[in-house]
Protein backbone atom coordinates (compact mmCIF):
# COMPACT_ATOMS: atom_id res chain seq x y z
CA MET A 1 22.17 12.14 -38.04
CA LYS A 2 25.13 12.43 -40.43
CA ARG A 3 23.49 15.43 -42.09
CA ILE A 4 23.08 17.22 -38.77
CA LEU A 5 26.69 16.43 -37.85
CA SER A 6 27.83 17.76 -41.24
CA LEU A 7 25.86 20.97 -40.72
CA VAL A 8 27.37 21.43 -37.27
CA VAL A 9 30.89 20.92 -38.65
CA VAL A 10 30.23 23.41 -41.47
CA ALA A 11 28.88 25.96 -38.97
CA LEU A 12 31.94 25.53 -36.74
CA VAL A 13 34.31 25.93 -39.69
CA MET A 14 32.50 29.09 -40.79
CA ALA A 15 32.62 30.51 -37.25
CA ALA A 16 36.35 29.75 -37.07
CA MET A 17 36.93 31.50 -40.40
CA VAL A 18 35.05 34.61 -39.23
CA LEU A 19 37.07 34.62 -36.00
CA VAL A 20 40.37 34.33 -37.91
CA MET A 21 39.39 37.17 -40.25
CA ALA A 22 38.38 39.37 -37.32
CA MET A 23 41.64 38.66 -35.48
CA THR A 24 43.63 39.37 -38.65
CA ALA A 25 41.87 42.71 -39.08
CA LEU A 26 42.70 43.67 -35.49
CA ALA A 27 46.31 42.56 -35.65
CA ASP A 28 47.20 43.77 -39.14
CA GLY A 29 49.15 46.74 -37.83
CA LYS A 30 46.43 49.33 -38.52
CA ASP A 31 45.03 51.46 -35.76
CA ASN A 32 41.38 50.51 -36.50
CA ASN A 33 40.45 53.84 -34.94
CA ASP A 34 36.87 54.19 -36.18
CA ASP A 35 35.44 55.28 -32.83
CA GLY A 36 37.75 58.29 -32.40
CA ALA A 37 39.65 56.81 -29.44
CA ASN A 38 43.05 58.34 -28.90
CA CYS A 39 45.28 56.07 -26.84
CA SER A 40 49.03 56.20 -26.19
CA GLU A 41 51.51 54.68 -23.76
CA ALA A 42 50.18 57.18 -21.21
CA THR A 43 46.77 55.45 -21.35
CA LEU A 44 48.30 52.60 -19.33
CA ASP A 45 49.38 54.14 -16.06
CA GLY A 46 49.13 52.43 -12.70
CA ARG A 47 48.50 49.00 -11.23
CA TYR A 48 46.48 46.41 -13.16
CA LEU A 49 45.27 43.14 -11.70
CA PHE A 50 45.17 40.10 -13.98
CA SER A 51 44.34 36.45 -14.07
CA PHE A 52 44.37 34.10 -17.00
CA ASP A 53 44.61 30.46 -17.86
CA GLY A 54 45.34 28.28 -20.82
CA TYR A 55 47.48 25.38 -21.88
CA GLU A 56 51.16 24.69 -22.20
CA ILE A 57 51.87 22.47 -25.20
CA LYS A 58 54.40 19.75 -24.32
CA GLY A 59 54.81 17.36 -27.24
CA ASP A 60 51.42 15.70 -27.70
CA LYS A 61 50.14 16.86 -24.31
CA LYS A 62 48.22 19.97 -23.28
CA VAL A 63 49.13 20.86 -19.70
CA PRO A 64 46.73 23.35 -18.06
CA PHE A 65 48.07 26.47 -16.34
CA ALA A 66 46.64 29.40 -14.41
CA GLN A 67 48.28 32.65 -13.36
CA ALA A 68 47.29 35.70 -11.34
CA GLY A 69 49.16 38.81 -10.32
CA TYR A 70 49.54 42.49 -11.05
CA GLU A 71 51.45 44.72 -13.43
CA VAL A 72 52.41 48.36 -12.93
CA TYR A 73 52.54 50.43 -16.12
CA ASP A 74 54.49 53.70 -15.86
CA GLY A 75 52.72 55.58 -18.69
CA ASN A 76 56.00 55.76 -20.62
CA GLY A 77 56.36 52.26 -22.11
CA HIS A 78 57.73 50.27 -19.15
CA VAL A 79 55.95 47.62 -17.11
CA LYS A 80 56.86 45.50 -14.11
CA GLY A 81 54.97 43.35 -11.69
CA VAL A 82 54.64 40.00 -9.97
CA TYR A 83 52.62 36.82 -10.52
CA SER A 84 51.99 33.37 -9.06
CA GLY A 85 50.96 30.38 -11.10
CA ASN A 86 50.07 26.72 -11.26
CA PHE A 87 51.56 24.90 -14.24
CA GLY A 88 50.09 21.41 -14.28
CA GLY A 89 50.55 21.10 -10.52
CA GLU A 90 53.92 22.87 -10.37
CA ILE A 91 53.39 25.95 -8.20
CA ILE A 92 55.43 29.13 -8.51
CA ARG A 93 54.91 32.13 -6.27
CA ASN A 94 55.67 35.84 -6.44
CA GLN A 95 57.72 35.78 -9.64
CA PRO A 96 58.85 39.24 -10.79
CA ILE A 97 58.15 40.27 -14.40
CA SER A 98 59.21 43.28 -16.43
CA GLY A 99 59.17 44.51 -19.98
CA THR A 100 58.23 47.27 -22.38
CA TYR A 101 55.00 48.15 -24.15
CA THR A 102 53.71 50.22 -27.05
CA VAL A 103 50.19 51.56 -27.64
CA LYS A 104 48.70 52.80 -30.92
CA ALA A 105 46.14 55.60 -31.18
CA GLY A 106 43.38 53.05 -31.88
CA CYS A 107 43.91 51.52 -28.41
CA THR A 108 45.76 48.40 -29.53
CA GLY A 109 49.20 47.58 -28.21
CA THR A 110 51.94 45.07 -27.63
CA VAL A 111 53.81 44.18 -24.45
CA ARG A 112 57.20 42.43 -24.65
CA TYR A 113 58.54 40.82 -21.51
CA THR A 114 62.23 40.28 -20.74
CA ASP A 115 61.74 36.49 -20.83
CA GLY A 116 60.84 36.72 -24.55
CA THR A 117 57.07 36.33 -24.28
CA GLN A 118 54.82 38.82 -25.98
CA SER A 119 51.11 39.70 -25.90
CA ASP A 120 48.79 41.75 -28.07
CA GLN A 121 46.67 44.12 -26.00
CA PHE A 122 43.28 45.76 -26.56
CA LEU A 123 42.64 48.74 -24.28
CA SER A 124 39.49 50.55 -23.21
CA PRO A 125 39.92 54.22 -24.25
CA ASP A 126 40.05 55.31 -20.60
CA GLY A 127 42.76 52.74 -19.83
CA THR A 128 40.84 50.95 -17.08
CA GLN A 129 40.68 47.56 -18.86
CA VAL A 130 43.08 45.61 -21.04
CA ALA A 131 42.24 42.37 -22.85
CA PHE A 132 45.26 40.38 -24.00
CA VAL A 133 46.28 37.24 -25.83
CA LEU A 134 49.68 35.56 -25.83
CA THR A 135 51.28 35.90 -29.28
CA LYS A 136 54.89 34.91 -28.75
CA SER A 137 55.65 31.85 -26.74
CA PRO A 138 54.52 29.02 -28.95
CA GLU A 139 54.29 26.51 -26.12
CA PHE A 140 51.71 28.61 -24.21
CA VAL A 141 48.16 29.24 -25.44
CA GLY A 142 46.10 31.68 -23.38
CA GLY A 143 44.64 35.12 -22.88
CA GLY A 144 42.85 37.19 -20.28
CA LEU A 145 41.71 40.53 -18.98
CA GLU A 146 43.41 43.11 -16.78
CA VAL A 147 41.55 45.71 -14.78
CA GLN A 148 43.03 48.78 -13.17
CA GLY A 149 43.14 48.47 -9.40
CA LYS A 150 41.34 51.21 -7.51
CA LYS A 151 41.37 51.89 -3.80
CA MET A 152 38.03 50.58 -2.66
CA ARG A 153 37.03 49.01 0.60
CA VAL A 154 34.34 46.37 0.38
CA GLY A 155 32.55 45.58 3.64
CA ASP A 156 33.97 45.52 7.14
C-alpha cells in the first residue's frame, strides 16, 4: 500500500512540474506564435460573458467565491463591464469594473483593472473565446473562460 501511495505522490509531483513548466513557457513574455495566429488589441472587440470561481485566501482559511458578469472590450485596449458575486456568502450585485488590456501577436494578453487586479489571457485567434487566470491579487486564486456574446434567440 505504501508503495502505491509513493507512486501516486511521485506521479502527482511530476504532473505538477510539467504544468509549472508549461505555464512558465506561456507566460515568459514570448509570443509563442507557432500556429501563425496574428492577434492584437483589436481581436477583443465587443461584449464577453464570463463566470469563474475560486478561493479567497484569508489567513489559514480558503473562502470560496463565484462571479459572473460581462466585459465590453473596445478593440483599442480599454475594457469595462459589470459583475455580481458570492464571496463566502457575502453577495455583491452589479459592480462596475474597468481597466486596460494588451494583446500580443501570439494571442496572449494581460488585462489590468483599476482596482489593482490583473489577469493573463489566452485568446482564440478569432477573438470569440478568452481563457484567463488571476495573476495579481494574491488573496484570490481563480480562473475562467469568457465567450463573446452573440445575438441568438433560443426557443420561444
